[in-house]
Amino acid sequence: MNYRSVKEETYLPHKHISLLGKELYLYREVTSTNSIAKHMAKYGAGEGTIVMSRSQSSGRGRMQRHWSCPPGKGLLLSMILKPEISVQFVPQFTLLTAVVVAETIKTVTGFRAGIKWPNDIYINGKKVCGILAESSFSRAKIEYLIIGLGINVNLSIHHLPPDCQDTSTSLSLELGQNVSRIKLLKQFIISWDEHIRGFLKAGHPYLRSKWIENNVTLGQNVTVNKGNHSINGLALDISEKGGLIVRLSDGSLHEYLAEDVSLRKINK
């Protein structure tokens, strides 16, 4: 287990470069890029700062699930944001990031990547990317928001854990050849800048239309896991809070904001 503190990790050997208007800090290995980014944000790192690493020893996803990727085989990054929005609208940034990632993958590889609410990206019915948003609040004000993502780029089948080989994939497995991580990074930044401008100008209607264009969730039968029980229903829409609106078997509509949702069928 790595007991190095986040503060110590920020002083590990790294490269600091500027790329397409963003400040990037490039590491070889850290516990988590989200942890490094949170520390940097706390001590004044600016909007749009990106932390990247070739590998993570303690990568994680939603629900504290462990997430791993062999060194140099994925695109592992976290971006610092300082949006002036109400706390209740923070989940919209997860949805926005999903749109950016899906369109980045399509632009670079030609594959249609679909969004599974709220934070997973799928290709051909298999997960290729996860997104994790973490934030710090002071009263009702957002101090900073960290958007972390991990894209499986050049993993072969034996790089995937045995229990994930039927449900996960990588860009190279789908394409049949390696994909440039730097090309993905550049396109992610370009797409992010395009969509954040549209979102800040037009708000939820802009985000909703772009998310719907890229999703594989709406119109699907879903299972919502709530503690020790689950609820089945039909996914209908997303709300202004970034929640998933589901119609249950009795016809009632419910909004889910932070639950674990699985698709009982994914259209390829």
C-alpha atoms as a PDB file:
ATOM      1  CA  MET A   1       0.000   0.000   0.000  1.00  0.00           C
ATOM      2  CA  ASN A   2       1.218   3.521  -0.814  1.00  0.00           C
ATOM      3  CA  TYR A   3       1.363   5.677   2.318  1.00  0.00           C
ATOM      4  CA  ARG A   4       2.822   8.740   0.606  1.00  0.00           C
ATOM      5  CA  SER A   5       0.786  11.870   1.370  1.00  0.00           C
ATOM      6  CA  VAL A   6      -0.884  13.844  -1.383  1.00  0.00           C
ATOM      7  CA  LYS A   7       1.180  16.887  -0.413  1.00  0.00           C
ATOM      8  CA  GLU A   8       4.382  14.898  -0.911  1.00  0.00           C
ATOM      9  CA  GLU A   9       3.117  13.536  -4.217  1.00  0.00           C
ATOM     10  CA  THR A  10       2.688  17.015  -5.665  1.00  0.00           C
ATOM     11  CA  TYR A  11       6.456  17.430  -5.377  1.00  0.00           C
ATOM     12  CA  LEU A  12       7.290  14.208  -7.201  1.00  0.00           C
ATOM     13  CA  PRO A  13       9.194  14.644 -10.499  1.00  0.00           C
ATOM     14  CA  HIS A  14       6.766  15.893 -13.125  1.00  0.00           C
ATOM     15  CA  LYS A  15       6.548  17.985 -16.256  1.00  0.00           C
ATOM     16  CA  HIS A  16       4.657  21.248 -16.359  1.00  0.00           C
ATOM     17  CA  ILE A  17       3.579  22.264 -19.846  1.00  0.00           C
ATOM     18  CA  SER A  18       0.968  24.421 -21.548  1.00  0.00           C
ATOM     19  CA  LEU A  19      -1.247  22.828 -24.173  1.00  0.00           C
ATOM     20  CA  LEU A  20      -4.098  24.513 -26.047  1.00  0.00           C
ATOM     21  CA  GLY A  21      -4.511  27.092 -23.308  1.00  0.00           C
ATOM     22  CA  LYS A  22      -4.465  24.583 -20.432  1.00  0.00           C
ATOM     23  CA  GLU A  23      -1.797  24.142 -17.750  1.00  0.00           C
ATOM     24  CA  LEU A  24      -0.817  20.450 -17.542  1.00  0.00           C
ATOM     25  CA  TYR A  25       1.070  18.633 -14.788  1.00  0.00           C
ATOM     26  CA  LEU A  26       2.339  15.273 -16.036  1.00  0.00           C
ATOM     27  CA  TYR A  27       3.340  12.542 -13.544  1.00  0.00           C
ATOM     28  CA  ARG A  28       4.635   9.009 -13.954  1.00  0.00           C
ATOM     29  CA  GLU A  29       2.683   7.497 -11.040  1.00  0.00           C
ATOM     30  CA  VAL A  30       0.421   8.895  -8.334  1.00  0.00           C
ATOM     31  CA  THR A  31      -2.168   7.421  -6.011  1.00  0.00           C
ATOM     32  CA  SER A  32      -4.949   9.320  -7.791  1.00  0.00           C
ATOM     33  CA  THR A  33      -4.991  12.275 -10.192  1.00  0.00           C
ATOM     34  CA  ASN A  34      -8.174  13.486  -8.470  1.00  0.00           C
ATOM     35  CA  SER A  35      -6.329  13.641  -5.147  1.00  0.00           C
ATOM     36  CA  ILE A  36      -3.454  15.648  -6.641  1.00  0.00           C
ATOM     37  CA  ALA A  37      -5.879  17.981  -8.433  1.00  0.00           C
ATOM     38  CA  LYS A  38      -7.859  18.588  -5.217  1.00  0.00           C
ATOM     39  CA  HIS A  39      -4.673  19.545  -3.391  1.00  0.00           C
ATOM     40  CA  MET A  40      -3.650  21.896  -6.204  1.00  0.00           C
ATOM     41  CA  ALA A  41      -7.117  23.469  -6.336  1.00  0.00           C
ATOM     42  CA  LYS A  42      -7.065  24.051  -2.586  1.00  0.00           C
ATOM     43  CA  TYR A  43      -3.803  25.962  -2.906  1.00  0.00           C
ATOM     44  CA  GLY A  44      -4.731  28.153  -5.831  1.00  0.00           C
ATOM     45  CA  ALA A  45      -4.387  26.222  -9.100  1.00  0.00           C
ATOM     46  CA  GLY A  46      -6.410  27.929 -11.789  1.00  0.00           C
ATOM     47  CA  GLU A  47      -9.518  26.998 -13.753  1.00  0.00           C
ATOM     48  CA  GLY A  48      -8.795  24.358 -16.387  1.00  0.00           C
ATOM     49  CA  THR A  49      -5.583  23.028 -14.808  1.00  0.00           C
ATOM     50  CA  ILE A  50      -5.122  19.361 -15.756  1.00  0.00           C
ATOM     51  CA  VAL A  51      -3.287  16.664 -13.810  1.00  0.00           C
ATOM     52  CA  MET A  52      -2.254  13.573 -15.770  1.00  0.00           C
ATOM     53  CA  SER A  53      -0.388  10.410 -14.855  1.00  0.00           C
ATOM     54  CA  ARG A  54       0.844   7.319 -16.684  1.00  0.00           C
ATOM     55  CA  SER A  55      -0.518   5.208 -13.840  1.00  0.00           C
ATOM     56  CA  GLN A  56      -2.430   5.355 -10.552  1.00  0.00           C
ATOM     57  CA  SER A  57      -1.979   3.083  -7.559  1.00  0.00           C
ATOM     58  CA  SER A  58      -5.344   3.934  -5.987  1.00  0.00           C
ATOM     59  CA  GLY A  59      -7.628   4.962  -8.827  1.00  0.00           C
ATOM     60  CA  ARG A  60     -11.317   4.903  -7.971  1.00  0.00           C
ATOM     61  CA  GLY A  61     -14.731   5.384  -9.481  1.00  0.00           C
ATOM     62  CA  ARG A  62     -18.211   6.042  -8.120  1.00  0.00           C
ATOM     63  CA  MET A  63     -19.346   4.136  -5.006  1.00  0.00           C
ATOM     64  CA  GLN A  64     -15.627   3.897  -4.056  1.00  0.00           C
ATOM     65  CA  ARG A  65     -15.055   1.146  -6.612  1.00  0.00           C
ATOM     66  CA  HIS A  66     -11.422   0.408  -7.415  1.00  0.00           C
ATOM     67  CA  TRP A  67     -10.267   1.313 -10.912  1.00  0.00           C
ATOM     68  CA  SER A  68      -6.953   0.247 -12.433  1.00  0.00           C
ATOM     69  CA  CYS A  69      -5.097   0.602 -15.716  1.00  0.00           C
ATOM     70  CA  PRO A  70      -1.583  -0.580 -16.693  1.00  0.00           C
ATOM     71  CA  PRO A  71       1.017   2.213 -16.957  1.00  0.00           C
ATOM     72  CA  GLY A  72       0.833   4.139 -20.210  1.00  0.00           C
ATOM     73  CA  LYS A  73      -2.172   2.221 -21.509  1.00  0.00           C
ATOM     74  CA  GLY A  74      -4.901   4.711 -20.641  1.00  0.00           C
ATOM     75  CA  LEU A  75      -5.664   8.403 -20.585  1.00  0.00           C
ATOM     76  CA  LEU A  76      -5.850   9.242 -16.880  1.00  0.00           C
ATOM     77  CA  LEU A  77      -6.536  12.858 -16.030  1.00  0.00           C
ATOM     78  CA  SER A  78      -8.299  15.223 -13.674  1.00  0.00           C
ATOM     79  CA  MET A  79      -9.300  18.813 -14.445  1.00  0.00           C
ATOM     80  CA  ILE A  80      -9.854  21.630 -11.963  1.00  0.00           C
ATOM     81  CA  LEU A  81     -13.000  23.702 -12.426  1.00  0.00           C
ATOM     82  CA  LYS A  82     -14.303  26.644 -10.442  1.00  0.00           C
ATOM     83  CA  PRO A  83     -17.822  27.208 -11.801  1.00  0.00           C
ATOM     84  CA  GLU A  84     -20.099  29.860 -10.367  1.00  0.00           C
ATOM     85  CA  ILE A  85     -23.188  27.685 -10.135  1.00  0.00           C
ATOM     86  CA  SER A  86     -25.543  26.444  -7.442  1.00  0.00           C
ATOM     87  CA  VAL A  87     -24.415  23.288  -5.648  1.00  0.00           C
ATOM     88  CA  GLN A  88     -27.473  21.375  -6.872  1.00  0.00           C
ATOM     89  CA  PHE A  89     -26.301  21.712 -10.483  1.00  0.00           C
ATOM     90  CA  VAL A  90     -22.842  20.158  -9.962  1.00  0.00           C
ATOM     91  CA  PRO A  91     -23.977  16.773 -11.437  1.00  0.00           C
ATOM     92  CA  GLN A  92     -24.496  18.529 -14.769  1.00  0.00           C
ATOM     93  CA  PHE A  93     -20.721  18.726 -15.132  1.00  0.00           C
ATOM     94  CA  THR A  94     -20.487  14.932 -15.035  1.00  0.00           C
ATOM     95  CA  LEU A  95     -23.018  14.791 -17.872  1.00  0.00           C
ATOM     96  CA  LEU A  96     -21.120  17.483 -19.788  1.00  0.00           C
ATOM     97  CA  THR A  97     -17.840  15.598 -19.395  1.00  0.00           C
ATOM     98  CA  ALA A  98     -19.499  12.446 -20.685  1.00  0.00           C
ATOM     99  CA  VAL A  99     -20.602  14.321 -23.811  1.00  0.00           C
ATOM    100  CA  VAL A 100     -17.066  15.612 -24.335  1.00  0.00           C
ATOM    101  CA  VAL A 101     -15.514  12.149 -23.919  1.00  0.00           C
ATOM    102  CA  ALA A 102     -18.036  10.458 -26.211  1.00  0.00           C
ATOM    103  CA  GLU A 103     -17.477  13.012 -28.957  1.00  0.00           C
ATOM    104  CA  THR A 104     -13.693  12.927 -28.447  1.00  0.00           C
ATOM    105  CA  ILE A 105     -13.654   9.161 -28.967  1.00  0.00           C
ATOM    106  CA  LYS A 106     -15.854   9.423 -32.048  1.00  0.00           C
ATOM    107  CA  THR A 107     -13.690  12.157 -33.591  1.00  0.00           C
ATOM    108  CA  VAL A 108     -10.407  10.313 -32.999  1.00  0.00           C
ATOM    109  CA  THR A 109     -11.465   6.723 -33.728  1.00  0.00           C
ATOM    110  CA  GLY A 110     -14.664   6.953 -35.753  1.00  0.00           C
ATOM    111  CA  PHE A 111     -16.499   4.761 -33.220  1.00  0.00           C
ATOM    112  CA  ARG A 112     -19.799   5.907 -31.761  1.00  0.00           C
ATOM    113  CA  ALA A 113     -19.365   5.977 -28.008  1.00  0.00           C
ATOM    114  CA  GLY A 114     -22.525   6.022 -25.902  1.00  0.00           C
ATOM    115  CA  ILE A 115     -23.150   7.485 -22.443  1.00  0.00           C
ATOM    116  CA  LYS A 116     -24.620   5.303 -19.703  1.00  0.00           C
ATOM    117  CA  TRP A 117     -26.041   7.579 -17.018  1.00  0.00           C
ATOM    118  CA  PRO A 118     -24.376   9.141 -15.239  1.00  0.00           C
ATOM    119  CA  ASN A 119     -20.683   8.569 -15.772  1.00  0.00           C
ATOM    120  CA  ASP A 120     -19.760   5.613 -17.996  1.00  0.00           C
ATOM    121  CA  ILE A 121     -18.891   5.562 -21.683  1.00  0.00           C
ATOM    122  CA  TYR A 122     -19.647   2.447 -23.728  1.00  0.00           C
ATOM    123  CA  ILE A 123     -18.574   1.124 -27.117  1.00  0.00           C
ATOM    124  CA  ASN A 124     -20.398  -1.865 -28.566  1.00  0.00           C
ATOM    125  CA  GLY A 125     -22.063  -2.540 -25.215  1.00  0.00           C
ATOM    126  CA  LYS A 126     -18.833  -2.518 -23.197  1.00  0.00           C
ATOM    127  CA  LYS A 127     -17.416   0.088 -20.836  1.00  0.00           C
ATOM    128  CA  VAL A 128     -14.402   2.021 -22.128  1.00  0.00           C
ATOM    129  CA  CYS A 129     -14.327   5.018 -19.764  1.00  0.00           C
ATOM    130  CA  GLY A 130     -15.438   6.106 -16.313  1.00  0.00           C
ATOM    131  CA  ILE A 131     -15.849   9.625 -14.940  1.00  0.00           C
ATOM    132  CA  LEU A 132     -15.670  10.763 -11.309  1.00  0.00           C
ATOM    133  CA  ALA A 133     -16.597  14.272 -10.138  1.00  0.00           C
ATOM    134  CA  GLU A 134     -15.595  15.465  -6.672  1.00  0.00           C
ATOM    135  CA  SER A 135     -16.175  18.888  -5.198  1.00  0.00           C
ATOM    136  CA  SER A 136     -15.531  21.106  -2.197  1.00  0.00           C
ATOM    137  CA  PHE A 137     -18.190  23.448  -0.823  1.00  0.00           C
ATOM    138  CA  SER A 138     -18.120  26.427   1.495  1.00  0.00           C
ATOM    139  CA  ARG A 139     -21.674  26.964   2.704  1.00  0.00           C
ATOM    140  CA  ALA A 140     -23.677  27.060  -0.541  1.00  0.00           C
ATOM    141  CA  LYS A 141     -20.733  28.087  -2.710  1.00  0.00           C
ATOM    142  CA  ILE A 142     -18.514  25.783  -4.746  1.00  0.00           C
ATOM    143  CA  GLU A 143     -14.826  26.251  -3.957  1.00  0.00           C
ATOM    144  CA  TYR A 144     -13.731  23.885  -6.710  1.00  0.00           C
ATOM    145  CA  LEU A 145     -14.899  20.931  -8.749  1.00  0.00           C
ATOM    146  CA  ILE A 146     -12.610  18.137  -9.909  1.00  0.00           C
ATOM    147  CA  ILE A 147     -13.560  16.115 -12.972  1.00  0.00           C
ATOM    148  CA  GLY A 148     -11.546  12.904 -13.229  1.00  0.00           C
ATOM    149  CA  LEU A 149     -11.671  10.420 -16.068  1.00  0.00           C
ATOM    150  CA  GLY A 150      -9.975   7.246 -17.173  1.00  0.00           C
ATOM    151  CA  ILE A 151     -10.187   6.028 -20.763  1.00  0.00           C
ATOM    152  CA  ASN A 152      -9.031   2.509 -21.619  1.00  0.00           C
ATOM    153  CA  VAL A 153      -6.907   3.361 -24.647  1.00  0.00           C
ATOM    154  CA  ASN A 154      -4.353   0.689 -25.569  1.00  0.00           C
ATOM    155  CA  LEU A 155      -5.216  -2.212 -23.262  1.00  0.00           C
ATOM    156  CA  SER A 156      -5.245  -5.712 -24.688  1.00  0.00           C
ATOM    157  CA  ILE A 157      -7.642  -8.334 -23.353  1.00  0.00           C
ATOM    158  CA  HIS A 158      -5.158  -9.692 -20.790  1.00  0.00           C
ATOM    159  CA  HIS A 159      -4.804  -6.221 -19.256  1.00  0.00           C
ATOM    160  CA  LEU A 160      -8.453  -6.288 -18.192  1.00  0.00           C
ATOM    161  CA  PRO A 161      -9.343  -8.001 -14.891  1.00  0.00           C
ATOM    162  CA  PRO A 162     -10.858 -11.456 -15.537  1.00  0.00           C
ATOM    163  CA  ASP A 163     -14.211 -10.395 -14.094  1.00  0.00           C
ATOM    164  CA  CYS A 164     -14.349  -7.394 -16.474  1.00  0.00           C
ATOM    165  CA  GLN A 165     -13.333  -8.988 -19.756  1.00  0.00           C
ATOM    166  CA  ASP A 166     -16.936  -9.543 -20.836  1.00  0.00           C
ATOM    167  CA  THR A 167     -18.100  -6.073 -19.822  1.00  0.00           C
ATOM    168  CA  SER A 168     -15.143  -3.772 -20.539  1.00  0.00           C
ATOM    169  CA  THR A 169     -13.054  -2.937 -23.579  1.00  0.00           C
ATOM    170  CA  SER A 170     -10.437  -0.488 -24.863  1.00  0.00           C
ATOM    171  CA  LEU A 171     -10.153   1.722 -27.912  1.00  0.00           C
ATOM    172  CA  SER A 172      -7.384  -0.432 -29.368  1.00  0.00           C
ATOM    173  CA  LEU A 173      -9.384  -3.625 -28.886  1.00  0.00           C
ATOM    174  CA  GLU A 174     -12.283  -2.112 -30.810  1.00  0.00           C
ATOM    175  CA  LEU A 175     -10.169  -0.435 -33.486  1.00  0.00           C
ATOM    176  CA  GLY A 176      -7.646  -3.233 -33.973  1.00  0.00           C
ATOM    177  CA  GLN A 177      -4.673  -0.884 -33.578  1.00  0.00           C
ATOM    178  CA  ASN A 178      -3.152   1.447 -31.003  1.00  0.00           C
ATOM    179  CA  VAL A 179      -4.581   4.928 -30.515  1.00  0.00           C
ATOM    180  CA  SER A 180      -2.520   8.048 -29.780  1.00  0.00           C
ATOM    181  CA  ARG A 181      -3.053   9.208 -26.209  1.00  0.00           C
ATOM    182  CA  ILE A 182      -1.796  12.708 -27.022  1.00  0.00           C
ATOM    183  CA  LYS A 183      -4.254  12.944 -29.915  1.00  0.00           C
ATOM    184  CA  LEU A 184      -7.062  11.986 -27.547  1.00  0.00           C
ATOM    185  CA  LEU A 185      -5.890  14.551 -25.002  1.00  0.00           C
ATOM    186  CA  LYS A 186      -5.773  17.366 -27.541  1.00  0.00           C
ATOM    187  CA  GLN A 187      -9.213  16.498 -28.885  1.00  0.00           C
ATOM    188  CA  PHE A 188     -10.609  16.302 -25.350  1.00  0.00           C
ATOM    189  CA  ILE A 189      -9.397  19.846 -24.644  1.00  0.00           C
ATOM    190  CA  ILE A 190     -10.785  21.142 -27.956  1.00  0.00           C
ATOM    191  CA  SER A 191     -14.154  19.470 -27.357  1.00  0.00           C
ATOM    192  CA  TRP A 192     -14.264  20.611 -23.735  1.00  0.00           C
ATOM    193  CA  ASP A 193     -13.705  24.258 -24.665  1.00  0.00           C
ATOM    194  CA  GLU A 194     -16.409  24.031 -27.328  1.00  0.00           C
ATOM    195  CA  HIS A 195     -19.041  22.466 -25.080  1.00  0.00           C
ATOM    196  CA  ILE A 196     -18.335  24.455 -21.924  1.00  0.00           C
ATOM    197  CA  ARG A 197     -18.912  27.641 -23.937  1.00  0.00           C
ATOM    198  CA  GLY A 198     -22.208  26.281 -25.251  1.00  0.00           C
ATOM    199  CA  PHE A 199     -23.277  25.108 -21.788  1.00  0.00           C
ATOM    200  CA  LEU A 200     -22.432  28.365 -20.014  1.00  0.00           C
ATOM    201  CA  LYS A 201     -24.254  30.338 -22.714  1.00  0.00           C
ATOM    202  CA  ALA A 202     -27.408  28.223 -23.104  1.00  0.00           C
ATOM    203  CA  GLY A 203     -27.547  26.137 -19.914  1.00  0.00           C
ATOM    204  CA  HIS A 204     -29.450  22.893 -19.459  1.00  0.00           C
ATOM    205  CA  PRO A 205     -31.238  22.888 -22.847  1.00  0.00           C
ATOM    206  CA  TYR A 206     -27.830  22.823 -24.581  1.00  0.00           C
ATOM    207  CA  LEU A 207     -26.501  20.083 -22.325  1.00  0.00           C
ATOM    208  CA  ARG A 208     -29.667  17.995 -22.576  1.00  0.00           C
ATOM    209  CA  SER A 209     -29.672  18.019 -26.377  1.00  0.00           C
ATOM    210  CA  LYS A 210     -25.994  17.053 -26.612  1.00  0.00           C
ATOM    211  CA  TRP A 211     -26.340  14.361 -23.942  1.00  0.00           C
ATOM    212  CA  ILE A 212     -29.381  12.823 -25.621  1.00  0.00           C
ATOM    213  CA  GLU A 213     -27.504  12.716 -28.944  1.00  0.00           C
ATOM    214  CA  ASN A 214     -24.775  10.600 -27.347  1.00  0.00           C
ATOM    215  CA  ASN A 215     -26.585   8.478 -24.742  1.00  0.00           C
ATOM    216  CA  VAL A 216     -27.432   4.759 -24.612  1.00  0.00           C
ATOM    217  CA  THR A 217     -29.633   5.067 -21.518  1.00  0.00           C
ATOM    218  CA  LEU A 218     -32.940   6.705 -22.413  1.00  0.00           C
ATOM    219  CA  GLY A 219     -35.596   4.345 -23.687  1.00  0.00           C
ATOM    220  CA  GLN A 220     -33.874   1.439 -21.944  1.00  0.00           C
ATOM    221  CA  ASN A 221     -35.104  -0.739 -19.106  1.00  0.00           C
ATOM    222  CA  VAL A 222     -32.933   0.046 -16.106  1.00  0.00           C
ATOM    223  CA  THR A 223     -32.368  -1.315 -12.618  1.00  0.00           C
ATOM    224  CA  VAL A 224     -31.859   1.263  -9.883  1.00  0.00           C
ATOM    225  CA  ASN A 225     -29.938  -0.164  -6.938  1.00  0.00           C
ATOM    226  CA  LYS A 226     -30.878   1.449  -3.624  1.00  0.00           C
ATOM    227  CA  GLY A 227     -29.118  -0.102  -0.674  1.00  0.00           C
ATOM    228  CA  ASN A 228     -30.298  -3.691  -0.261  1.00  0.00           C
ATOM    229  CA  HIS A 229     -33.075  -3.517  -2.829  1.00  0.00           C
ATOM    230  CA  SER A 230     -33.483  -2.613  -6.491  1.00  0.00           C
ATOM    231  CA  ILE A 231     -36.191  -0.997  -8.586  1.00  0.00           C
ATOM    232  CA  ASN A 232     -36.873  -1.624 -12.260  1.00  0.00           C
ATOM    233  CA  GLY A 233     -38.211   0.976 -14.650  1.00  0.00           C
ATOM    234  CA  LEU A 234     -37.881   2.737 -17.990  1.00  0.00           C
ATOM    235  CA  ALA A 235     -35.350   5.585 -18.338  1.00  0.00           C
ATOM    236  CA  LEU A 236     -37.127   8.582 -19.864  1.00  0.00           C
ATOM    237  CA  ASP A 237     -35.100  11.775 -19.485  1.00  0.00           C
ATOM    238  CA  ILE A 238     -32.505  13.744 -17.543  1.00  0.00           C
ATOM    239  CA  SER A 239     -33.392  16.633 -15.254  1.00  0.00           C
ATOM    240  CA  GLU A 240     -31.846  20.070 -14.761  1.00  0.00           C
ATOM    241  CA  LYS A 241     -30.087  18.652 -11.704  1.00  0.00           C
ATOM    242  CA  GLY A 242     -28.474  15.944 -13.843  1.00  0.00           C
ATOM    243  CA  GLY A 243     -30.751  13.270 -12.435  1.00  0.00           C
ATOM    244  CA  LEU A 244     -32.221  10.339 -14.310  1.00  0.00           C
ATOM    245  CA  ILE A 245     -36.017  10.349 -14.638  1.00  0.00           C
ATOM    246  CA  VAL A 246     -37.437   6.828 -14.553  1.00  0.00           C
ATOM    247  CA  ARG A 247     -41.000   5.584 -15.037  1.00  0.00           C
ATOM    248  CA  LEU A 248     -41.761   2.681 -12.703  1.00  0.00           C
ATOM    249  CA  SER A 249     -44.126  -0.195 -13.414  1.00  0.00           C
ATOM    250  CA  ASP A 250     -46.995   1.592 -11.652  1.00  0.00           C
ATOM    251  CA  GLY A 251     -46.638   4.541 -14.038  1.00  0.00           C
ATOM    252  CA  SER A 252     -45.130   6.934 -11.480  1.00  0.00           C
ATOM    253  CA  LEU A 253     -42.108   9.079 -12.365  1.00  0.00           C
ATOM    254  CA  HIS A 254     -39.061   9.260 -10.098  1.00  0.00           C
ATOM    255  CA  GLU A 255     -35.842  11.257 -10.307  1.00  0.00           C
ATOM    256  CA  TYR A 256     -32.610   9.534  -9.244  1.00  0.00           C
ATOM    257  CA  LEU A 257     -29.530  11.643  -8.534  1.00  0.00           C
ATOM    258  CA  ALA A 258     -26.798   9.486  -7.045  1.00  0.00           C
ATOM    259  CA  GLU A 259     -27.981   5.891  -7.218  1.00  0.00           C
ATOM    260  CA  ASP A 260     -26.207   3.020  -8.952  1.00  0.00           C
ATOM    261  CA  VAL A 261     -28.042   2.337 -12.214  1.00  0.00           C
ATOM    262  CA  SER A 262     -27.501  -0.602 -14.546  1.00  0.00           C
ATOM    263  CA  LEU A 263     -28.952  -1.178 -17.990  1.00  0.00           C
ATOM    264  CA  ARG A 264     -30.838  -4.393 -18.548  1.00  0.00           C
ATOM    265  CA  LYS A 265     -30.220  -3.977 -22.276  1.00  0.00           C
ATOM    266  CA  ILE A 266     -27.805  -1.816 -24.183  1.00  0.00           C
ATOM    267  CA  ASN A 267     -28.349  -1.029 -27.842  1.00  0.00           C
ATOM    268  CA  LYS A 268     -25.200  -1.512 -29.832  1.00  0.00           C
END
